[in-house]
PDB file of N, CA and C in Angstrom:
ATOM      1  N   MET A   1     -18.507  38.232 -66.547  1.00  0.00           N
ATOM      2  CA  MET A   1     -17.923  39.171 -65.629  1.00  0.00           C
ATOM      3  C   MET A   1     -17.214  38.385 -64.523  1.00  0.00           C
ATOM      4  N   ASP A   2     -15.954  38.726 -64.286  1.00  0.00           N
ATOM      5  CA  ASP A   2     -15.183  38.055 -63.241  1.00  0.00           C
ATOM      6  C   ASP A   2     -15.491  38.661 -61.885  1.00  0.00           C
ATOM      7  N   SER A   3     -15.457  37.827 -60.867  1.00  0.00           N
ATOM      8  CA  SER A   3     -15.673  38.267 -59.493  1.00  0.00           C
ATOM      9  C   SER A   3     -14.641  37.580 -58.607  1.00  0.00           C
ATOM     10  N   THR A   4     -14.065  38.329 -57.669  1.00  0.00           N
ATOM     11  CA  THR A   4     -13.053  37.788 -56.764  1.00  0.00           C
ATOM     12  C   THR A   4     -13.407  38.164 -55.342  1.00  0.00           C
ATOM     13  N   SER A   5     -13.409  37.204 -54.448  1.00  0.00           N
ATOM     14  CA  SER A   5     -13.586  37.488 -53.030  1.00  0.00           C
ATOM     15  C   SER A   5     -12.232  37.917 -52.473  1.00  0.00           C
ATOM     16  N   LEU A   6     -12.097  39.203 -52.148  1.00  0.00           N
ATOM     17  CA  LEU A   6     -10.825  39.687 -51.600  1.00  0.00           C
ATOM     18  C   LEU A   6     -10.549  39.082 -50.229  1.00  0.00           C
ATOM     19  N   THR A   7     -11.593  38.756 -49.491  1.00  0.00           N
ATOM     20  CA  THR A   7     -11.412  38.123 -48.180  1.00  0.00           C
ATOM     21  C   THR A   7     -10.809  36.734 -48.339  1.00  0.00           C
ATOM     22  N   ALA A   8     -11.400  35.925 -49.221  1.00  0.00           N
ATOM     23  CA  ALA A   8     -10.897  34.561 -49.439  1.00  0.00           C
ATOM     24  C   ALA A   8      -9.501  34.592 -50.049  1.00  0.00           C
ATOM     25  N   LEU A   9      -9.288  35.450 -51.032  1.00  0.00           N
ATOM     26  CA  LEU A   9      -7.974  35.537 -51.659  1.00  0.00           C
ATOM     27  C   LEU A   9      -6.945  36.033 -50.650  1.00  0.00           C
ATOM     28  N   GLY A  10      -7.317  36.989 -49.822  1.00  0.00           N
ATOM     29  CA  GLY A  10      -6.410  37.474 -48.779  1.00  0.00           C
ATOM     30  C   GLY A  10      -5.987  36.353 -47.842  1.00  0.00           C
ATOM     31  N   ASP A  11      -6.940  35.494 -47.461  1.00  0.00           N
ATOM     32  CA  ASP A  11      -6.621  34.335 -46.616  1.00  0.00           C
ATOM     33  C   ASP A  11      -5.599  33.434 -47.302  1.00  0.00           C
ATOM     34  N   GLU A  12      -5.818  33.158 -48.589  1.00  0.00           N
ATOM     35  CA  GLU A  12      -4.913  32.277 -49.343  1.00  0.00           C
ATOM     36  C   GLU A  12      -3.510  32.866 -49.455  1.00  0.00           C
ATOM     37  N   VAL A  13      -3.430  34.131 -49.827  1.00  0.00           N
ATOM     38  CA  VAL A  13      -2.125  34.763 -50.047  1.00  0.00           C
ATOM     39  C   VAL A  13      -1.387  34.912 -48.720  1.00  0.00           C
ATOM     40  N   LEU A  14      -2.110  35.214 -47.635  1.00  0.00           N
ATOM     41  CA  LEU A  14      -1.464  35.328 -46.323  1.00  0.00           C
ATOM     42  C   LEU A  14      -0.932  33.975 -45.858  1.00  0.00           C
ATOM     43  N   ALA A  15      -1.641  32.898 -46.149  1.00  0.00           N
ATOM     44  CA  ALA A  15      -1.157  31.553 -45.797  1.00  0.00           C
ATOM     45  C   ALA A  15       0.151  31.255 -46.523  1.00  0.00           C
ATOM     46  N   VAL A  16       0.245  31.634 -47.788  1.00  0.00           N
ATOM     47  CA  VAL A  16       1.488  31.440 -48.555  1.00  0.00           C
ATOM     48  C   VAL A  16       2.606  32.300 -47.965  1.00  0.00           C
ATOM     49  N   ALA A  17       2.300  33.532 -47.618  1.00  0.00           N
ATOM     50  CA  ALA A  17       3.307  34.434 -47.041  1.00  0.00           C
ATOM     51  C   ALA A  17       3.856  33.886 -45.730  1.00  0.00           C
ATOM     52  N   ARG A  18       2.994  33.292 -44.926  1.00  0.00           N
ATOM     53  CA  ARG A  18       3.431  32.745 -43.630  1.00  0.00           C
ATOM     54  C   ARG A  18       4.386  31.575 -43.804  1.00  0.00           C
ATOM     55  N   GLU A  19       4.325  30.893 -44.944  1.00  0.00           N
ATOM     56  CA  GLU A  19       5.222  29.774 -45.228  1.00  0.00           C
ATOM     57  C   GLU A  19       6.486  30.228 -45.953  1.00  0.00           C
ATOM     58  N   SER A  20       6.511  31.459 -46.411  1.00  0.00           N
ATOM     59  CA  SER A  20       7.627  31.980 -47.193  1.00  0.00           C
ATOM     60  C   SER A  20       8.735  32.535 -46.298  1.00  0.00           C
ATOM     61  N   VAL A  21       9.967  32.264 -46.659  1.00  0.00           N
ATOM     62  CA  VAL A  21      11.116  32.819 -45.932  1.00  0.00           C
ATOM     63  C   VAL A  21      11.090  34.340 -45.984  1.00  0.00           C
ATOM     64  N   ALA A  22      10.650  34.893 -47.101  1.00  0.00           N
ATOM     65  CA  ALA A  22      10.594  36.347 -47.273  1.00  0.00           C
ATOM     66  C   ALA A  22       9.435  36.980 -46.502  1.00  0.00           C
ATOM     67  N   GLY A  23       8.484  36.166 -46.060  1.00  0.00           N
ATOM     68  CA  GLY A  23       7.352  36.688 -45.303  1.00  0.00           C
ATOM     69  C   GLY A  23       6.370  37.479 -46.134  1.00  0.00           C
ATOM     70  N   ARG A  24       6.320  37.178 -47.424  1.00  0.00           N
ATOM     71  CA  ARG A  24       5.388  37.892 -48.290  1.00  0.00           C
ATOM     72  C   ARG A  24       4.957  37.002 -49.453  1.00  0.00           C
ATOM     73  N   ALA A  25       3.826  37.376 -50.038  1.00  0.00           N
ATOM     74  CA  ALA A  25       3.309  36.674 -51.214  1.00  0.00           C
ATOM     75  C   ALA A  25       2.334  37.631 -51.899  1.00  0.00           C
ATOM     76  N   SER A  26       2.084  37.381 -53.181  1.00  0.00           N
ATOM     77  CA  SER A  26       1.154  38.245 -53.909  1.00  0.00           C
ATOM     78  C   SER A  26       0.486  37.482 -55.032  1.00  0.00           C
ATOM     79  N   ARG A  27      -0.632  38.050 -55.475  1.00  0.00           N
ATOM     80  CA  ARG A  27      -1.323  37.504 -56.634  1.00  0.00           C
ATOM     81  C   ARG A  27      -1.992  38.658 -57.378  1.00  0.00           C
ATOM     82  N   THR A  28      -1.687  38.771 -58.663  1.00  0.00           N
ATOM     83  CA  THR A  28      -2.326  39.788 -59.490  1.00  0.00           C
ATOM     84  C   THR A  28      -3.723  39.300 -59.844  1.00  0.00           C
ATOM     85  N   ILE A  29      -4.718  40.169 -59.621  1.00  0.00           N
ATOM     86  CA  ILE A  29      -6.101  39.768 -59.883  1.00  0.00           C
ATOM     87  C   ILE A  29      -6.663  40.432 -61.131  1.00  0.00           C
ATOM     88  N   HIS A  30      -5.976  41.470 -61.613  1.00  0.00           N
ATOM     89  CA  HIS A  30      -6.426  42.126 -62.844  1.00  0.00           C
ATOM     90  C   HIS A  30      -5.229  42.756 -63.525  1.00  0.00           C
ATOM     91  N   GLY A  31      -5.172  42.626 -64.830  1.00  0.00           N
ATOM     92  CA  GLY A  31      -4.098  43.251 -65.597  1.00  0.00           C
ATOM     93  C   GLY A  31      -2.795  42.501 -65.456  1.00  0.00           C
ATOM     94  N   GLY A  32      -1.713  43.231 -65.584  1.00  0.00           N
ATOM     95  CA  GLY A  32      -0.378  42.650 -65.525  1.00  0.00           C
ATOM     96  C   GLY A  32       0.612  43.655 -66.060  1.00  0.00           C
ATOM     97  N   HIS A  33       1.835  43.212 -66.230  1.00  0.00           N
ATOM     98  CA  HIS A  33       2.885  44.117 -66.700  1.00  0.00           C
ATOM     99  C   HIS A  33       2.651  44.607 -68.130  1.00  0.00           C
ATOM    100  N   ASP A  34       1.828  43.895 -68.875  1.00  0.00           N
ATOM    101  CA  ASP A  34       1.549  44.291 -70.254  1.00  0.00           C
ATOM    102  C   ASP A  34       0.292  45.156 -70.384  1.00  0.00           C
ATOM    103  N   ARG A  35      -0.327  45.510 -69.273  1.00  0.00           N
ATOM    104  CA  ARG A  35      -1.555  46.320 -69.277  1.00  0.00           C
ATOM    105  C   ARG A  35      -1.306  47.626 -68.530  1.00  0.00           C
ATOM    106  N   MET A  36      -2.119  48.619 -68.774  1.00  0.00           N
ATOM    107  CA  MET A  36      -1.968  49.902 -68.082  1.00  0.00           C
ATOM    108  C   MET A  36      -2.428  49.813 -66.627  1.00  0.00           C
ATOM    109  N   LEU A  37      -3.498  49.061 -66.367  1.00  0.00           N
ATOM    110  CA  LEU A  37      -4.038  48.924 -65.018  1.00  0.00           C
ATOM    111  C   LEU A  37      -3.655  47.556 -64.466  1.00  0.00           C
ATOM    112  N   ARG A  38      -3.162  47.566 -63.228  1.00  0.00           N
ATOM    113  CA  ARG A  38      -2.811  46.296 -62.570  1.00  0.00           C
ATOM    114  C   ARG A  38      -3.282  46.365 -61.120  1.00  0.00           C
ATOM    115  N   GLU A  39      -3.966  45.311 -60.669  1.00  0.00           N
ATOM    116  CA  GLU A  39      -4.385  45.199 -59.277  1.00  0.00           C
ATOM    117  C   GLU A  39      -3.793  43.921 -58.703  1.00  0.00           C
ATOM    118  N   THR A  40      -3.129  44.071 -57.562  1.00  0.00           N
ATOM    119  CA  THR A  40      -2.427  42.954 -56.950  1.00  0.00           C
ATOM    120  C   THR A  40      -2.736  42.887 -55.460  1.00  0.00           C
ATOM    121  N   VAL A  41      -3.090  41.706 -54.991  1.00  0.00           N
ATOM    122  CA  VAL A  41      -3.269  41.468 -53.564  1.00  0.00           C
ATOM    123  C   VAL A  41      -1.905  41.029 -53.023  1.00  0.00           C
ATOM    124  N   ILE A  42      -1.437  41.740 -52.000  1.00  0.00           N
ATOM    125  CA  ILE A  42      -0.129  41.466 -51.399  1.00  0.00           C
ATOM    126  C   ILE A  42      -0.325  41.158 -49.922  1.00  0.00           C
ATOM    127  N   ALA A  43       0.300  40.082 -49.458  1.00  0.00           N
ATOM    128  CA  ALA A  43       0.282  39.733 -48.032  1.00  0.00           C
ATOM    129  C   ALA A  43       1.689  39.875 -47.479  1.00  0.00           C
ATOM    130  N   LEU A  44       1.788  40.494 -46.315  1.00  0.00           N
ATOM    131  CA  LEU A  44       3.058  40.642 -45.604  1.00  0.00           C
ATOM    132  C   LEU A  44       2.868  40.154 -44.175  1.00  0.00           C
ATOM    133  N   VAL A  45       3.762  39.291 -43.726  1.00  0.00           N
ATOM    134  CA  VAL A  45       3.738  38.826 -42.342  1.00  0.00           C
ATOM    135  C   VAL A  45       4.324  39.935 -41.466  1.00  0.00           C
ATOM    136  N   ALA A  46       3.842  40.038 -40.243  1.00  0.00           N
ATOM    137  CA  ALA A  46       4.307  41.068 -39.308  1.00  0.00           C
ATOM    138  C   ALA A  46       5.828  41.138 -39.272  1.00  0.00           C
ATOM    139  N   GLU A  47       6.337  42.374 -39.236  1.00  0.00           N
ATOM    140  CA  GLU A  47       7.770  42.673 -39.149  1.00  0.00           C
ATOM    141  C   GLU A  47       8.519  42.406 -40.461  1.00  0.00           C
ATOM    142  N   HIS A  48       7.812  42.183 -41.556  1.00  0.00           N
ATOM    143  CA  HIS A  48       8.431  42.037 -42.874  1.00  0.00           C
ATOM    144  C   HIS A  48       8.066  43.256 -43.714  1.00  0.00           C
ATOM    145  N   GLU A  49       8.829  43.467 -44.786  1.00  0.00           N
ATOM    146  CA  GLU A  49       8.554  44.635 -45.611  1.00  0.00           C
ATOM    147  C   GLU A  49       8.864  44.402 -47.075  1.00  0.00           C
ATOM    148  N   LEU A  50       8.304  45.282 -47.875  1.00  0.00           N
ATOM    149  CA  LEU A  50       8.718  45.418 -49.267  1.00  0.00           C
ATOM    150  C   LEU A  50       9.743  46.537 -49.206  1.00  0.00           C
ATOM    151  N   ALA A  51      11.001  46.204 -49.457  1.00  0.00           N
ATOM    152  CA  ALA A  51      12.084  47.178 -49.345  1.00  0.00           C
ATOM    153  C   ALA A  51      11.861  48.368 -50.264  1.00  0.00           C
ATOM    154  N   GLU A  52      12.564  49.427 -49.999  1.00  0.00           N
ATOM    155  CA  GLU A  52      12.424  50.655 -50.774  1.00  0.00           C
ATOM    156  C   GLU A  52      12.533  50.366 -52.273  1.00  0.00           C
ATOM    157  N   HIS A  53      11.615  50.950 -53.032  1.00  0.00           N
ATOM    158  CA  HIS A  53      11.577  50.743 -54.479  1.00  0.00           C
ATOM    159  C   HIS A  53      10.908  51.957 -55.133  1.00  0.00           C
ATOM    160  N   GLU A  54      11.082  52.071 -56.423  1.00  0.00           N
ATOM    161  CA  GLU A  54      10.472  53.166 -57.184  1.00  0.00           C
ATOM    162  C   GLU A  54       8.982  52.910 -57.348  1.00  0.00           C
ATOM    163  N   SER A  55       8.236  53.961 -57.471  1.00  0.00           N
ATOM    164  CA  SER A  55       6.817  53.839 -57.776  1.00  0.00           C
ATOM    165  C   SER A  55       6.685  53.435 -59.245  1.00  0.00           C
ATOM    166  N   PRO A  56       5.896  52.394 -59.530  1.00  0.00           N
ATOM    167  CA  PRO A  56       5.766  51.923 -60.912  1.00  0.00           C
ATOM    168  C   PRO A  56       4.817  52.763 -61.758  1.00  0.00           C
ATOM    169  N   GLY A  57       4.233  53.781 -61.184  1.00  0.00           N
ATOM    170  CA  GLY A  57       3.251  54.617 -61.861  1.00  0.00           C
ATOM    171  C   GLY A  57       2.299  55.157 -60.818  1.00  0.00           C
ATOM    172  N   GLU A  58       1.218  55.768 -61.252  1.00  0.00           N
ATOM    173  CA  GLU A  58       0.230  56.254 -60.298  1.00  0.00           C
ATOM    174  C   GLU A  58      -0.355  55.048 -59.566  1.00  0.00           C
ATOM    175  N   ALA A  59      -0.386  55.119 -58.218  1.00  0.00           N
ATOM    176  CA  ALA A  59      -0.774  53.932 -57.462  1.00  0.00           C
ATOM    177  C   ALA A  59      -1.478  54.286 -56.157  1.00  0.00           C
ATOM    178  N   THR A  60      -2.342  53.368 -55.736  1.00  0.00           N
ATOM    179  CA  THR A  60      -3.002  53.473 -54.439  1.00  0.00           C
ATOM    180  C   THR A  60      -2.887  52.132 -53.718  1.00  0.00           C
ATOM    181  N   LEU A  61      -3.082  52.199 -52.404  1.00  0.00           N
ATOM    182  CA  LEU A  61      -3.002  51.014 -51.567  1.00  0.00           C
ATOM    183  C   LEU A  61      -4.219  51.003 -50.653  1.00  0.00           C
ATOM    184  N   GLN A  62      -4.976  49.915 -50.686  1.00  0.00           N
ATOM    185  CA  GLN A  62      -6.107  49.751 -49.780  1.00  0.00           C
ATOM    186  C   GLN A  62      -5.757  48.627 -48.818  1.00  0.00           C
ATOM    187  N   VAL A  63      -5.810  48.898 -47.528  1.00  0.00           N
ATOM    188  CA  VAL A  63      -5.507  47.879 -46.521  1.00  0.00           C
ATOM    189  C   VAL A  63      -6.761  47.042 -46.306  1.00  0.00           C
ATOM    190  N   LEU A  64      -6.647  45.756 -46.580  1.00  0.00           N
ATOM    191  CA  LEU A  64      -7.774  44.841 -46.417  1.00  0.00           C
ATOM    192  C   LEU A  64      -7.786  44.206 -45.034  1.00  0.00           C
ATOM    193  N   ARG A  65      -6.587  44.010 -44.478  1.00  0.00           N
ATOM    194  CA  ARG A  65      -6.455  43.365 -43.172  1.00  0.00           C
ATOM    195  C   ARG A  65      -5.126  43.779 -42.562  1.00  0.00           C
ATOM    196  N   GLY A  66      -5.092  43.938 -41.250  1.00  0.00           N
ATOM    197  CA  GLY A  66      -3.844  44.211 -40.561  1.00  0.00           C
ATOM    198  C   GLY A  66      -3.510  45.684 -40.466  1.00  0.00           C
ATOM    199  N   ARG A  67      -2.218  45.960 -40.309  1.00  0.00           N
ATOM    200  CA  ARG A  67      -1.722  47.324 -40.147  1.00  0.00           C
ATOM    201  C   ARG A  67      -0.370  47.422 -40.844  1.00  0.00           C
ATOM    202  N   VAL A  68      -0.200  48.457 -41.679  1.00  0.00           N
ATOM    203  CA  VAL A  68       1.042  48.658 -42.440  1.00  0.00           C
ATOM    204  C   VAL A  68       1.551  50.081 -42.242  1.00  0.00           C
ATOM    205  N   ARG A  69       2.827  50.260 -42.581  1.00  0.00           N
ATOM    206  CA  ARG A  69       3.453  51.583 -42.528  1.00  0.00           C
ATOM    207  C   ARG A  69       4.102  51.853 -43.878  1.00  0.00           C
ATOM    208  N   LEU A  70       3.641  52.895 -44.558  1.00  0.00           N
ATOM    209  CA  LEU A  70       4.193  53.312 -45.845  1.00  0.00           C
ATOM    210  C   LEU A  70       5.215  54.407 -45.561  1.00  0.00           C
ATOM    211  N   ARG A  71       6.463  54.185 -45.980  1.00  0.00           N
ATOM    212  CA  ARG A  71       7.547  55.139 -45.710  1.00  0.00           C
ATOM    213  C   ARG A  71       8.100  55.690 -47.012  1.00  0.00           C
ATOM    214  N   ASP A  72       8.439  56.982 -46.983  1.00  0.00           N
ATOM    215  CA  ASP A  72       9.141  57.611 -48.098  1.00  0.00           C
ATOM    216  C   ASP A  72       9.971  58.753 -47.538  1.00  0.00           C
ATOM    217  N   SER A  73      10.618  59.508 -48.411  1.00  0.00           N
ATOM    218  CA  SER A  73      11.494  60.588 -47.964  1.00  0.00           C
ATOM    219  C   SER A  73      10.733  61.688 -47.215  1.00  0.00           C
ATOM    220  N   GLY A  74       9.437  61.733 -47.371  1.00  0.00           N
ATOM    221  CA  GLY A  74       8.620  62.732 -46.697  1.00  0.00           C
ATOM    222  C   GLY A  74       8.119  62.287 -45.334  1.00  0.00           C
ATOM    223  N   GLY A  75       8.435  61.062 -44.939  1.00  0.00           N
ATOM    224  CA  GLY A  75       7.986  60.548 -43.648  1.00  0.00           C
ATOM    225  C   GLY A  75       7.315  59.208 -43.783  1.00  0.00           C
ATOM    226  N   GLU A  76       6.394  58.942 -42.873  1.00  0.00           N
ATOM    227  CA  GLU A  76       5.677  57.669 -42.913  1.00  0.00           C
ATOM    228  C   GLU A  76       4.227  57.870 -42.494  1.00  0.00           C
ATOM    229  N   ARG A  77       3.400  56.963 -43.010  1.00  0.00           N
ATOM    230  CA  ARG A  77       1.982  56.960 -42.680  1.00  0.00           C
ATOM    231  C   ARG A  77       1.605  55.541 -42.304  1.00  0.00           C
ATOM    232  N   GLU A  78       0.896  55.393 -41.201  1.00  0.00           N
ATOM    233  CA  GLU A  78       0.423  54.082 -40.785  1.00  0.00           C
ATOM    234  C   GLU A  78      -1.051  53.975 -41.150  1.00  0.00           C
ATOM    235  N   ALA A  79      -1.451  52.786 -41.584  1.00  0.00           N
ATOM    236  CA  ALA A  79      -2.835  52.576 -42.004  1.00  0.00           C
ATOM    237  C   ALA A  79      -3.297  51.189 -41.573  1.00  0.00           C
ATOM    238  N   GLY A  80      -4.594  51.087 -41.278  1.00  0.00           N
ATOM    239  CA  GLY A  80      -5.190  49.813 -40.885  1.00  0.00           C
ATOM    240  C   GLY A  80      -6.311  49.423 -41.828  1.00  0.00           C
ATOM    241  N   ALA A  81      -6.972  48.341 -41.488  1.00  0.00           N
ATOM    242  CA  ALA A  81      -8.042  47.790 -42.321  1.00  0.00           C
ATOM    243  C   ALA A  81      -9.043  48.869 -42.718  1.00  0.00           C
ATOM    244  N   ALA A  82      -9.378  48.882 -43.994  1.00  0.00           N
ATOM    245  CA  ALA A  82     -10.324  49.802 -44.629  1.00  0.00           C
ATOM    246  C   ALA A  82      -9.714  51.164 -44.935  1.00  0.00           C
ATOM    247  N   ASP A  83      -8.438  51.382 -44.609  1.00  0.00           N
ATOM    248  CA  ASP A  83      -7.779  52.643 -44.961  1.00  0.00           C
ATOM    249  C   ASP A  83      -7.277  52.594 -46.402  1.00  0.00           C
ATOM    250  N   HIS A  84      -7.216  53.758 -47.021  1.00  0.00           N
ATOM    251  CA  HIS A  84      -6.791  53.907 -48.408  1.00  0.00           C
ATOM    252  C   HIS A  84      -5.676  54.937 -48.450  1.00  0.00           C
ATOM    253  N   LEU A  85      -4.568  54.604 -49.090  1.00  0.00           N
ATOM    254  CA  LEU A  85      -3.420  55.504 -49.198  1.00  0.00           C
ATOM    255  C   LEU A  85      -3.071  55.743 -50.655  1.00  0.00           C
ATOM    256  N   VAL A  86      -2.691  56.966 -50.973  1.00  0.00           N
ATOM    257  CA  VAL A  86      -2.126  57.256 -52.282  1.00  0.00           C
ATOM    258  C   VAL A  86      -0.624  57.073 -52.148  1.00  0.00           C
ATOM    259  N   ILE A  87      -0.047  56.252 -53.008  1.00  0.00           N
ATOM    260  CA  ILE A  87       1.392  55.979 -52.948  1.00  0.00           C
ATOM    261  C   ILE A  87       2.133  57.136 -53.600  1.00  0.00           C
ATOM    262  N   PRO A  88       3.154  57.652 -52.927  1.00  0.00           N
ATOM    263  CA  PRO A  88       3.883  58.796 -53.472  1.00  0.00           C
ATOM    264  C   PRO A  88       4.627  58.425 -54.753  1.00  0.00           C
ATOM    265  N   PRO A  89       4.797  59.382 -55.651  1.00  0.00           N
ATOM    266  CA  PRO A  89       5.494  59.112 -56.919  1.00  0.00           C
ATOM    267  C   PRO A  89       7.018  59.174 -56.757  1.00  0.00           C
ATOM    268  N   ARG A  90       7.520  58.553 -55.700  1.00  0.00           N
ATOM    269  CA  ARG A  90       8.961  58.511 -55.418  1.00  0.00           C
ATOM    270  C   ARG A  90       9.268  57.215 -54.672  1.00  0.00           C
ATOM    271  N   ARG A  91      10.533  56.986 -54.403  1.00  0.00           N
ATOM    272  CA  ARG A  91      10.941  55.769 -53.703  1.00  0.00           C
ATOM    273  C   ARG A  91      10.191  55.653 -52.379  1.00  0.00           C
ATOM    274  N   HIS A  92       9.784  54.423 -52.066  1.00  0.00           N
ATOM    275  CA  HIS A  92       9.033  54.175 -50.842  1.00  0.00           C
ATOM    276  C   HIS A  92       9.184  52.713 -50.445  1.00  0.00           C
ATOM    277  N   SER A  93       8.776  52.398 -49.224  1.00  0.00           N
ATOM    278  CA  SER A  93       8.764  51.012 -48.756  1.00  0.00           C
ATOM    279  C   SER A  93       7.457  50.775 -48.007  1.00  0.00           C
ATOM    280  N   LEU A  94       7.139  49.505 -47.788  1.00  0.00           N
ATOM    281  CA  LEU A  94       5.924  49.136 -47.065  1.00  0.00           C
ATOM    282  C   LEU A  94       6.305  48.119 -46.003  1.00  0.00           C
ATOM    283  N   PHE A  95       5.993  48.425 -44.752  1.00  0.00           N
ATOM    284  CA  PHE A  95       6.335  47.591 -43.601  1.00  0.00           C
ATOM    285  C   PHE A  95       5.051  47.083 -42.955  1.00  0.00           C
ATOM    286  N   ALA A  96       5.019  45.797 -42.602  1.00  0.00           N
ATOM    287  CA  ALA A  96       3.849  45.216 -41.933  1.00  0.00           C
ATOM    288  C   ALA A  96       4.015  45.315 -40.424  1.00  0.00           C
ATOM    289  N   VAL A  97       3.194  46.115 -39.795  1.00  0.00           N
ATOM    290  CA  VAL A  97       3.198  46.237 -38.336  1.00  0.00           C
ATOM    291  C   VAL A  97       2.645  44.938 -37.737  1.00  0.00           C
ATOM    292  N   GLU A  98       1.662  44.368 -38.410  1.00  0.00           N
ATOM    293  CA  GLU A  98       1.097  43.065 -38.044  1.00  0.00           C
ATOM    294  C   GLU A  98       0.792  42.331 -39.348  1.00  0.00           C
ATOM    295  N   ASP A  99       0.443  41.044 -39.269  1.00  0.00           N
ATOM    296  CA  ASP A  99       0.106  40.311 -40.489  1.00  0.00           C
ATOM    297  C   ASP A  99      -0.923  41.132 -41.269  1.00  0.00           C
ATOM    298  N   SER A 100      -0.634  41.369 -42.554  1.00  0.00           N
ATOM    299  CA  SER A 100      -1.445  42.304 -43.331  1.00  0.00           C
ATOM    300  C   SER A 100      -1.697  41.819 -44.745  1.00  0.00           C
ATOM    301  N   VAL A 101      -2.819  42.282 -45.296  1.00  0.00           N
ATOM    302  CA  VAL A 101      -3.160  42.044 -46.697  1.00  0.00           C
ATOM    303  C   VAL A 101      -3.591  43.385 -47.269  1.00  0.00           C
ATOM    304  N   VAL A 102      -3.018  43.739 -48.418  1.00  0.00           N
ATOM    305  CA  VAL A 102      -3.344  45.014 -49.065  1.00  0.00           C
ATOM    306  C   VAL A 102      -3.686  44.776 -50.530  1.00  0.00           C
ATOM    307  N   LEU A 103      -4.423  45.722 -51.091  1.00  0.00           N
ATOM    308  CA  LEU A 103      -4.726  45.709 -52.516  1.00  0.00           C
ATOM    309  C   LEU A 103      -3.983  46.876 -53.137  1.00  0.00           C
ATOM    310  N   LEU A 104      -3.014  46.573 -53.998  1.00  0.00           N
ATOM    311  CA  LEU A 104      -2.236  47.585 -54.702  1.00  0.00           C
ATOM    312  C   LEU A 104      -2.853  47.770 -56.083  1.00  0.00           C
ATOM    313  N   THR A 105      -3.171  49.025 -56.405  1.00  0.00           N
ATOM    314  CA  THR A 105      -3.699  49.364 -57.724  1.00  0.00           C
ATOM    315  C   THR A 105      -2.728  50.309 -58.384  1.00  0.00           C
ATOM    316  N   VAL A 106      -2.265  49.952 -59.584  1.00  0.00           N
ATOM    317  CA  VAL A 106      -1.258  50.739 -60.302  1.00  0.00           C
ATOM    318  C   VAL A 106      -1.755  51.030 -61.712  1.00  0.00           C
ATOM    319  N   VAL A 107      -1.590  52.276 -62.122  1.00  0.00           N
ATOM    320  CA  VAL A 107      -1.821  52.667 -63.506  1.00  0.00           C
ATOM    321  C   VAL A 107      -0.478  53.129 -64.048  1.00  0.00           C
ATOM    322  N   LYS A 108       0.035  52.408 -65.028  1.00  0.00           N
ATOM    323  CA  LYS A 108       1.331  52.766 -65.597  1.00  0.00           C
ATOM    324  C   LYS A 108       1.202  54.028 -66.437  1.00  0.00           C
ATOM    325  N   PRO A 109       2.248  54.868 -66.430  1.00  0.00           N
ATOM    326  CA  PRO A 109       2.189  56.073 -67.239  1.00  0.00           C
ATOM    327  C   PRO A 109       2.161  55.725 -68.740  1.00  0.00           C
ATOM    328  N   LEU A 110       1.550  56.595 -69.511  1.00  0.00           N
ATOM    329  CA  LEU A 110       1.537  56.398 -70.968  1.00  0.00           C
ATOM    330  C   LEU A 110       2.950  56.555 -71.506  1.00  0.00           C
ATOM    331  N   SER A 111       3.298  55.724 -72.447  1.00  0.00           N
ATOM    332  CA  SER A 111       4.664  55.777 -73.030  1.00  0.00           C
ATOM    333  C   SER A 111       4.762  56.840 -74.078  1.00  0.00           C
TER     334      SER A 111
END
């Protein structure tokens, strides 16, 4: 059985993001593009974002550290550590209010 410390991994991914010109970094911890379920730890440095994009399937976002703002055509929701958001099934973006680490969980639709 695999075990991952989200705290330690969050520290690692955030360190990479802080060195990145894009201000972000990620690491998939379960699944991948060839699997139905995918879990990815994403770090965003304050004032950086994942630009507007389509939802890849049914998805949730758990904030592990920091504060983020999820935006879509219906408005925006701000969330902090320990908050859980359901990602809308439409175009959206994610903005880091402060240095942040989130866990993105995606289930791809059946083909």
